[in-house]
């Protein structure tokens, strides 16, 4: 027979070993924490904040430390909300807005604020009203980008204490009532008419300027033509004068060399030229030449021979 004391001791040893193994597994399970990439764990020891576990494999003290909060670090978006604001020109409008943010300090987001979304909504409402009150309605509709930057900057100052980073804010729509829309349409039509009047006036002014420039150009060209014609006439007179002077010089030289025959020759030549011009006139039908002129023409060859001198 097997001794019951031995069996009892073996069973006790097996139970103890099993308990030790279970305790070791429990220690490993309690002491090792694997944090997902999009999460951080807030660890407390006896109810007091100890540390924040980042993504990956982490170790804590079993039974003393425990993961009190699991915080997502992904970017979040507040649901779109509407805010009633009054612009600088006393127009009441509604702004539709949203806020994007992410947790950068998990401990502050847990221990300094209970409801992050409600806190950001309250701060954003006040900041948007303040920013919109500085602008007129037209500026509010056209300066949405700069207004988004101002709201994000001011909201970040308020949210830093909560461990929140405001990534961006968006004014998605500006909602106005029908009366304001009708007034805007009238203003827009008046502005379009004003621009049309200015455009027509500028067109008429440009037309007058072009017409004046055309007349000035024509006058300048006509003056240039008159000046060129005068220069040509002056040049012709100058050439003619030079020719006459040269002719006179040659006649004078001939007179000096040949005396009276040269004078007679010049007189006869001019008479012949006058008769030729008279005969060539379109109004001349009959030309009566005096006898002494014909006699002079007949003796022209003789005078020419005398002028030539002896060969």
Foldseek 3Di string as FASTA:
>chain_A
DDDVVVVVVVVVVVVVVVVVVVVVVQQVVQFKDAAAQQKKFFKDFPNHTDDIHHHGIGTDGGPGIDGPDIFGFDKDKAPWDKAWAAALVGAIWIWIKMWIKGAQDVVLLVPVDDDVNVVLVVLLNVLLRVLRRDHDPVCVVVVQPVSFVSSQVSSQVVCVSSRMHTPTMGRPDIGHDPVVVVVVVVVVVVVVVVVVVVVVVVVVVVVVVVVVVVVVVVVVVVVVVVVVVVVVVVVVVVVVVVVVVVVVVVLVVLCVVQNPLSVLLVVLVVVVVVVVVLVPDPPDDDDDDDPVNVVSVVCNVVSVVSSVPDD
